[in-house]
Amino acid sequence: MKTGLLKKCRRKIKFFERNGKYYVDTGNYIDPTGKTKESALEYYRFWILETAKSIFKFKPKRQFFKY
């Protein structure tokens, strides 16, 4: 995907840290339990790609990870 399009998606999804736990805000849901940094970053990347697919209606040329 184009970098500019992914930047638009990154603005919609927030990644933050509180009290040693990491959270991802997708706009409609925040996991109340918190995560480790690695799993939160993986979840963050997943939602950036999903948001891009829903907004721009196309898939990236290569998948960053598989689910």
PDB file of N, CA and C in Angstrom:
ATOM      1  N   MET A   1       0.830  -1.187   0.000  1.00  0.00           N
ATOM      2  CA  MET A   1       0.000   0.000   0.000  1.00  0.00           C
ATOM      3  C   MET A   1       0.867   1.239   0.000  1.00  0.00           C
ATOM      4  N   LYS A   2       0.318   2.281  -0.451  1.00  0.00           N
ATOM      5  CA  LYS A   2       1.048   3.542  -0.445  1.00  0.00           C
ATOM      6  C   LYS A   2       1.228   4.027   0.988  1.00  0.00           C
ATOM      7  N   THR A   3       2.346   4.650   1.242  1.00  0.00           N
ATOM      8  CA  THR A   3       2.664   5.121   2.584  1.00  0.00           C
ATOM      9  C   THR A   3       1.673   6.182   3.046  1.00  0.00           C
ATOM     10  N   GLY A   4       1.270   7.064   2.156  1.00  0.00           N
ATOM     11  CA  GLY A   4       0.323   8.116   2.521  1.00  0.00           C
ATOM     12  C   GLY A   4      -1.021   7.564   2.953  1.00  0.00           C
ATOM     13  N   LEU A   5      -1.462   6.487   2.308  1.00  0.00           N
ATOM     14  CA  LEU A   5      -2.738   5.882   2.673  1.00  0.00           C
ATOM     15  C   LEU A   5      -2.655   5.214   4.040  1.00  0.00           C
ATOM     16  N   LEU A   6      -1.511   4.581   4.317  1.00  0.00           N
ATOM     17  CA  LEU A   6      -1.354   3.959   5.624  1.00  0.00           C
ATOM     18  C   LEU A   6      -1.255   4.994   6.734  1.00  0.00           C
ATOM     19  N   LYS A   7      -0.710   6.165   6.439  1.00  0.00           N
ATOM     20  CA  LYS A   7      -0.655   7.234   7.447  1.00  0.00           C
ATOM     21  C   LYS A   7      -2.050   7.663   7.845  1.00  0.00           C
ATOM     22  N   LYS A   8      -2.981   7.715   6.881  1.00  0.00           N
ATOM     23  CA  LYS A   8      -4.369   8.065   7.197  1.00  0.00           C
ATOM     24  C   LYS A   8      -4.974   7.032   8.141  1.00  0.00           C
ATOM     25  N   CYS A   9      -4.652   5.779   7.926  1.00  0.00           N
ATOM     26  CA  CYS A   9      -5.173   4.723   8.792  1.00  0.00           C
ATOM     27  C   CYS A   9      -4.555   4.779  10.179  1.00  0.00           C
ATOM     28  N   ARG A  10      -3.272   5.120  10.259  1.00  0.00           N
ATOM     29  CA  ARG A  10      -2.604   5.207  11.559  1.00  0.00           C
ATOM     30  C   ARG A  10      -3.192   6.310  12.419  1.00  0.00           C
ATOM     31  N   ARG A  11      -3.702   7.358  11.802  1.00  0.00           N
ATOM     32  CA  ARG A  11      -4.313   8.437  12.583  1.00  0.00           C
ATOM     33  C   ARG A  11      -5.595   7.980  13.251  1.00  0.00           C
ATOM     34  N   LYS A  12      -6.291   7.007  12.669  1.00  0.00           N
ATOM     35  CA  LYS A  12      -7.557   6.541  13.212  1.00  0.00           C
ATOM     36  C   LYS A  12      -7.375   5.553  14.359  1.00  0.00           C
ATOM     37  N   ILE A  13      -6.257   4.852  14.388  1.00  0.00           N
ATOM     38  CA  ILE A  13      -6.014   3.829  15.401  1.00  0.00           C
ATOM     39  C   ILE A  13      -4.904   4.307  16.333  1.00  0.00           C
ATOM     40  N   LYS A  14      -5.169   4.274  17.612  1.00  0.00           N
ATOM     41  CA  LYS A  14      -4.220   4.798  18.606  1.00  0.00           C
ATOM     42  C   LYS A  14      -3.530   3.660  19.344  1.00  0.00           C
ATOM     43  N   PHE A  15      -2.240   3.825  19.568  1.00  0.00           N
ATOM     44  CA  PHE A  15      -1.423   2.877  20.330  1.00  0.00           C
ATOM     45  C   PHE A  15      -0.852   3.647  21.510  1.00  0.00           C
ATOM     46  N   PHE A  16      -1.138   3.201  22.731  1.00  0.00           N
ATOM     47  CA  PHE A  16      -0.650   3.930  23.893  1.00  0.00           C
ATOM     48  C   PHE A  16      -0.304   2.987  25.031  1.00  0.00           C
ATOM     49  N   GLU A  17       0.426   3.529  26.012  1.00  0.00           N
ATOM     50  CA  GLU A  17       0.900   2.757  27.152  1.00  0.00           C
ATOM     51  C   GLU A  17       0.413   3.423  28.432  1.00  0.00           C
ATOM     52  N   ARG A  18      -0.103   2.592  29.359  1.00  0.00           N
ATOM     53  CA  ARG A  18      -0.519   3.072  30.675  1.00  0.00           C
ATOM     54  C   ARG A  18      -0.111   2.065  31.725  1.00  0.00           C
ATOM     55  N   ASN A  19       0.587   2.530  32.730  1.00  0.00           N
ATOM     56  CA  ASN A  19       0.975   1.688  33.866  1.00  0.00           C
ATOM     57  C   ASN A  19       1.672   0.395  33.443  1.00  0.00           C
ATOM     58  N   GLY A  20       2.521   0.485  32.437  1.00  0.00           N
ATOM     59  CA  GLY A  20       3.288  -0.681  32.009  1.00  0.00           C
ATOM     60  C   GLY A  20       2.568  -1.632  31.077  1.00  0.00           C
ATOM     61  N   LYS A  21       1.300  -1.368  30.753  1.00  0.00           N
ATOM     62  CA  LYS A  21       0.555  -2.209  29.820  1.00  0.00           C
ATOM     63  C   LYS A  21       0.241  -1.392  28.571  1.00  0.00           C
ATOM     64  N   TYR A  22       0.154  -2.065  27.442  1.00  0.00           N
ATOM     65  CA  TYR A  22      -0.050  -1.400  26.167  1.00  0.00           C
ATOM     66  C   TYR A  22      -1.465  -1.651  25.664  1.00  0.00           C
ATOM     67  N   TYR A  23      -2.049  -0.614  25.079  1.00  0.00           N
ATOM     68  CA  TYR A  23      -3.430  -0.665  24.610  1.00  0.00           C
ATOM     69  C   TYR A  23      -3.509  -0.170  23.172  1.00  0.00           C
ATOM     70  N   VAL A  24      -4.497  -0.686  22.438  1.00  0.00           N
ATOM     71  CA  VAL A  24      -4.759  -0.257  21.064  1.00  0.00           C
ATOM     72  C   VAL A  24      -6.210   0.178  21.015  1.00  0.00           C
ATOM     73  N   ASP A  25      -6.437   1.428  20.627  1.00  0.00           N
ATOM     74  CA  ASP A  25      -7.784   1.979  20.503  1.00  0.00           C
ATOM     75  C   ASP A  25      -8.164   1.965  19.030  1.00  0.00           C
ATOM     76  N   THR A  26      -9.133   1.127  18.664  1.00  0.00           N
ATOM     77  CA  THR A  26      -9.552   1.020  17.271  1.00  0.00           C
ATOM     78  C   THR A  26     -10.692   1.974  16.938  1.00  0.00           C
ATOM     79  N   GLY A  27     -11.080   2.800  17.868  1.00  0.00           N
ATOM     80  CA  GLY A  27     -12.160   3.736  17.629  1.00  0.00           C
ATOM     81  C   GLY A  27     -13.462   3.302  18.257  1.00  0.00           C
ATOM     82  N   ASN A  28     -13.664   1.995  18.381  1.00  0.00           N
ATOM     83  CA  ASN A  28     -14.900   1.519  18.980  1.00  0.00           C
ATOM     84  C   ASN A  28     -14.668   0.515  20.108  1.00  0.00           C
ATOM     85  N   TYR A  29     -13.430   0.084  20.294  1.00  0.00           N
ATOM     86  CA  TYR A  29     -13.163  -0.922  21.323  1.00  0.00           C
ATOM     87  C   TYR A  29     -11.736  -0.800  21.827  1.00  0.00           C
ATOM     88  N   ILE A  30     -11.578  -0.823  23.142  1.00  0.00           N
ATOM     89  CA  ILE A  30     -10.261  -0.890  23.777  1.00  0.00           C
ATOM     90  C   ILE A  30     -10.272  -2.124  24.666  1.00  0.00           C
ATOM     91  N   ASP A  31      -9.301  -3.000  24.475  1.00  0.00           N
ATOM     92  CA  ASP A  31      -9.200  -4.212  25.287  1.00  0.00           C
ATOM     93  C   ASP A  31      -8.872  -3.802  26.727  1.00  0.00           C
ATOM     94  N   PRO A  32      -9.721  -4.112  27.705  1.00  0.00           N
ATOM     95  CA  PRO A  32      -9.501  -3.638  29.080  1.00  0.00           C
ATOM     96  C   PRO A  32      -8.353  -4.332  29.804  1.00  0.00           C
ATOM     97  N   THR A  33      -7.872  -5.476  29.329  1.00  0.00           N
ATOM     98  CA  THR A  33      -6.847  -6.209  30.056  1.00  0.00           C
ATOM     99  C   THR A  33      -5.442  -5.687  29.791  1.00  0.00           C
ATOM    100  N   GLY A  34      -5.199  -5.067  28.658  1.00  0.00           N
ATOM    101  CA  GLY A  34      -3.850  -4.626  28.323  1.00  0.00           C
ATOM    102  C   GLY A  34      -3.040  -5.784  27.774  1.00  0.00           C
ATOM    103  N   LYS A  35      -1.924  -5.478  27.138  1.00  0.00           N
ATOM    104  CA  LYS A  35      -1.119  -6.503  26.496  1.00  0.00           C
ATOM    105  C   LYS A  35       0.352  -6.202  26.696  1.00  0.00           C
ATOM    106  N   THR A  36       1.179  -7.167  26.308  1.00  0.00           N
ATOM    107  CA  THR A  36       2.605  -6.901  26.271  1.00  0.00           C
ATOM    108  C   THR A  36       2.880  -6.039  25.046  1.00  0.00           C
ATOM    109  N   LYS A  37       4.055  -5.465  24.983  1.00  0.00           N
ATOM    110  CA  LYS A  37       4.371  -4.565  23.881  1.00  0.00           C
ATOM    111  C   LYS A  37       4.354  -5.289  22.532  1.00  0.00           C
ATOM    112  N   GLU A  38       4.903  -6.498  22.472  1.00  0.00           N
ATOM    113  CA  GLU A  38       4.967  -7.233  21.213  1.00  0.00           C
ATOM    114  C   GLU A  38       3.578  -7.601  20.697  1.00  0.00           C
ATOM    115  N   SER A  39       2.734  -8.125  21.569  1.00  0.00           N
ATOM    116  CA  SER A  39       1.393  -8.521  21.125  1.00  0.00           C
ATOM    117  C   SER A  39       0.540  -7.307  20.798  1.00  0.00           C
ATOM    118  N   ALA A  40       0.738  -6.197  21.508  1.00  0.00           N
ATOM    119  CA  ALA A  40      -0.014  -4.979  21.208  1.00  0.00           C
ATOM    120  C   ALA A  40       0.399  -4.393  19.863  1.00  0.00           C
ATOM    121  N   LEU A  41       1.703  -4.437  19.539  1.00  0.00           N
ATOM    122  CA  LEU A  41       2.155  -3.955  18.230  1.00  0.00           C
ATOM    123  C   LEU A  41       1.629  -4.828  17.099  1.00  0.00           C
ATOM    124  N   GLU A  42       1.570  -6.120  17.320  1.00  0.00           N
ATOM    125  CA  GLU A  42       1.024  -7.028  16.308  1.00  0.00           C
ATOM    126  C   GLU A  42      -0.455  -6.732  16.069  1.00  0.00           C
ATOM    127  N   TYR A  43      -1.191  -6.532  17.151  1.00  0.00           N
ATOM    128  CA  TYR A  43      -2.609  -6.189  17.070  1.00  0.00           C
ATOM    129  C   TYR A  43      -2.794  -4.840  16.375  1.00  0.00           C
ATOM    130  N   TYR A  44      -1.946  -3.881  16.661  1.00  0.00           N
ATOM    131  CA  TYR A  44      -1.974  -2.547  16.053  1.00  0.00           C
ATOM    132  C   TYR A  44      -1.760  -2.632  14.540  1.00  0.00           C
ATOM    133  N   ARG A  45      -0.766  -3.397  14.119  1.00  0.00           N
ATOM    134  CA  ARG A  45      -0.490  -3.558  12.680  1.00  0.00           C
ATOM    135  C   ARG A  45      -1.655  -4.238  11.969  1.00  0.00           C
ATOM    136  N   PHE A  46      -2.235  -5.236  12.637  1.00  0.00           N
ATOM    137  CA  PHE A  46      -3.387  -5.927  12.058  1.00  0.00           C
ATOM    138  C   PHE A  46      -4.534  -4.956  11.806  1.00  0.00           C
ATOM    139  N   TRP A  47      -4.845  -4.090  12.771  1.00  0.00           N
ATOM    140  CA  TRP A  47      -5.964  -3.169  12.610  1.00  0.00           C
ATOM    141  C   TRP A  47      -5.673  -2.049  11.625  1.00  0.00           C
ATOM    142  N   ILE A  48      -4.410  -1.674  11.452  1.00  0.00           N
ATOM    143  CA  ILE A  48      -4.069  -0.691  10.422  1.00  0.00           C
ATOM    144  C   ILE A  48      -4.391  -1.262   9.046  1.00  0.00           C
ATOM    145  N   LEU A  49      -4.008  -2.521   8.802  1.00  0.00           N
ATOM    146  CA  LEU A  49      -4.295  -3.142   7.512  1.00  0.00           C
ATOM    147  C   LEU A  49      -5.791  -3.351   7.301  1.00  0.00           C
ATOM    148  N   GLU A  50      -6.516  -3.755   8.344  1.00  0.00           N
ATOM    149  CA  GLU A  50      -7.953  -3.952   8.220  1.00  0.00           C
ATOM    150  C   GLU A  50      -8.679  -2.632   7.936  1.00  0.00           C
ATOM    151  N   THR A  51      -8.240  -1.568   8.589  1.00  0.00           N
ATOM    152  CA  THR A  51      -8.832  -0.254   8.346  1.00  0.00           C
ATOM    153  C   THR A  51      -8.568   0.204   6.920  1.00  0.00           C
ATOM    154  N   ALA A  52      -7.371  -0.025   6.432  1.00  0.00           N
ATOM    155  CA  ALA A  52      -7.029   0.342   5.059  1.00  0.00           C
ATOM    156  C   ALA A  52      -7.882  -0.429   4.056  1.00  0.00           C
ATOM    157  N   LYS A  53      -8.090  -1.709   4.318  1.00  0.00           N
ATOM    158  CA  LYS A  53      -8.924  -2.505   3.419  1.00  0.00           C
ATOM    159  C   LYS A  53     -10.358  -1.989   3.404  1.00  0.00           C
ATOM    160  N   SER A  54     -10.878  -1.634   4.558  1.00  0.00           N
ATOM    161  CA  SER A  54     -12.267  -1.172   4.616  1.00  0.00           C
ATOM    162  C   SER A  54     -12.439   0.223   4.019  1.00  0.00           C
ATOM    163  N   ILE A  55     -11.454   1.088   4.180  1.00  0.00           N
ATOM    164  CA  ILE A  55     -11.561   2.450   3.655  1.00  0.00           C
ATOM    165  C   ILE A  55     -11.295   2.495   2.158  1.00  0.00           C
ATOM    166  N   PHE A  56     -10.216   1.881   1.730  1.00  0.00           N
ATOM    167  CA  PHE A  56      -9.762   2.025   0.350  1.00  0.00           C
ATOM    168  C   PHE A  56     -10.127   0.855  -0.543  1.00  0.00           C
ATOM    169  N   LYS A  57     -10.719  -0.202   0.005  1.00  0.00           N
ATOM    170  CA  LYS A  57     -11.247  -1.334  -0.758  1.00  0.00           C
ATOM    171  C   LYS A  57     -10.220  -2.057  -1.610  1.00  0.00           C
ATOM    172  N   PHE A  58      -9.017  -2.174  -1.152  1.00  0.00           N
ATOM    173  CA  PHE A  58      -8.046  -2.991  -1.852  1.00  0.00           C
ATOM    174  C   PHE A  58      -7.059  -3.588  -0.865  1.00  0.00           C
ATOM    175  N   LYS A  59      -6.325  -4.589  -1.317  1.00  0.00           N
ATOM    176  CA  LYS A  59      -5.398  -5.308  -0.449  1.00  0.00           C
ATOM    177  C   LYS A  59      -3.977  -4.844  -0.727  1.00  0.00           C
ATOM    178  N   PRO A  60      -3.097  -4.946   0.258  1.00  0.00           N
ATOM    179  CA  PRO A  60      -1.702  -4.596   0.021  1.00  0.00           C
ATOM    180  C   PRO A  60      -1.046  -5.585  -0.939  1.00  0.00           C
ATOM    181  N   LYS A  61       0.055  -5.179  -1.550  1.00  0.00           N
ATOM    182  CA  LYS A  61       0.752  -6.048  -2.489  1.00  0.00           C
ATOM    183  C   LYS A  61       1.334  -7.270  -1.785  1.00  0.00           C
ATOM    184  N   ARG A  62       1.774  -7.097  -0.562  1.00  0.00           N
ATOM    185  CA  ARG A  62       2.292  -8.225   0.189  1.00  0.00           C
ATOM    186  C   ARG A  62       1.727  -8.172   1.607  1.00  0.00           C
ATOM    187  N   GLN A  63       1.492  -9.315   2.172  1.00  0.00           N
ATOM    188  CA  GLN A  63       0.967  -9.379   3.525  1.00  0.00           C
ATOM    189  C   GLN A  63       2.130  -9.311   4.505  1.00  0.00           C
ATOM    190  N   PHE A  64       1.961  -8.521   5.560  1.00  0.00           N
ATOM    191  CA  PHE A  64       3.002  -8.398   6.563  1.00  0.00           C
ATOM    192  C   PHE A  64       3.006  -9.595   7.497  1.00  0.00           C
ATOM    193  N   PHE A  65       1.853 -10.142   7.769  1.00  0.00           N
ATOM    194  CA  PHE A  65       1.739 -11.323   8.606  1.00  0.00           C
ATOM    195  C   PHE A  65       0.437 -12.008   8.252  1.00  0.00           C
ATOM    196  N   LYS A  66       0.306 -13.262   8.618  1.00  0.00           N
ATOM    197  CA  LYS A  66      -0.870 -14.050   8.265  1.00  0.00           C
ATOM    198  C   LYS A  66      -1.680 -14.381   9.509  1.00  0.00           C
ATOM    199  N   TYR A  67      -2.991 -14.390   9.340  1.00  0.00           N
ATOM    200  CA  TYR A  67      -3.892 -14.792  10.430  1.00  0.00           C
ATOM    201  C   TYR A  67      -4.833 -15.853   9.936  1.00  0.00           C
TER     202      TYR A  67
END
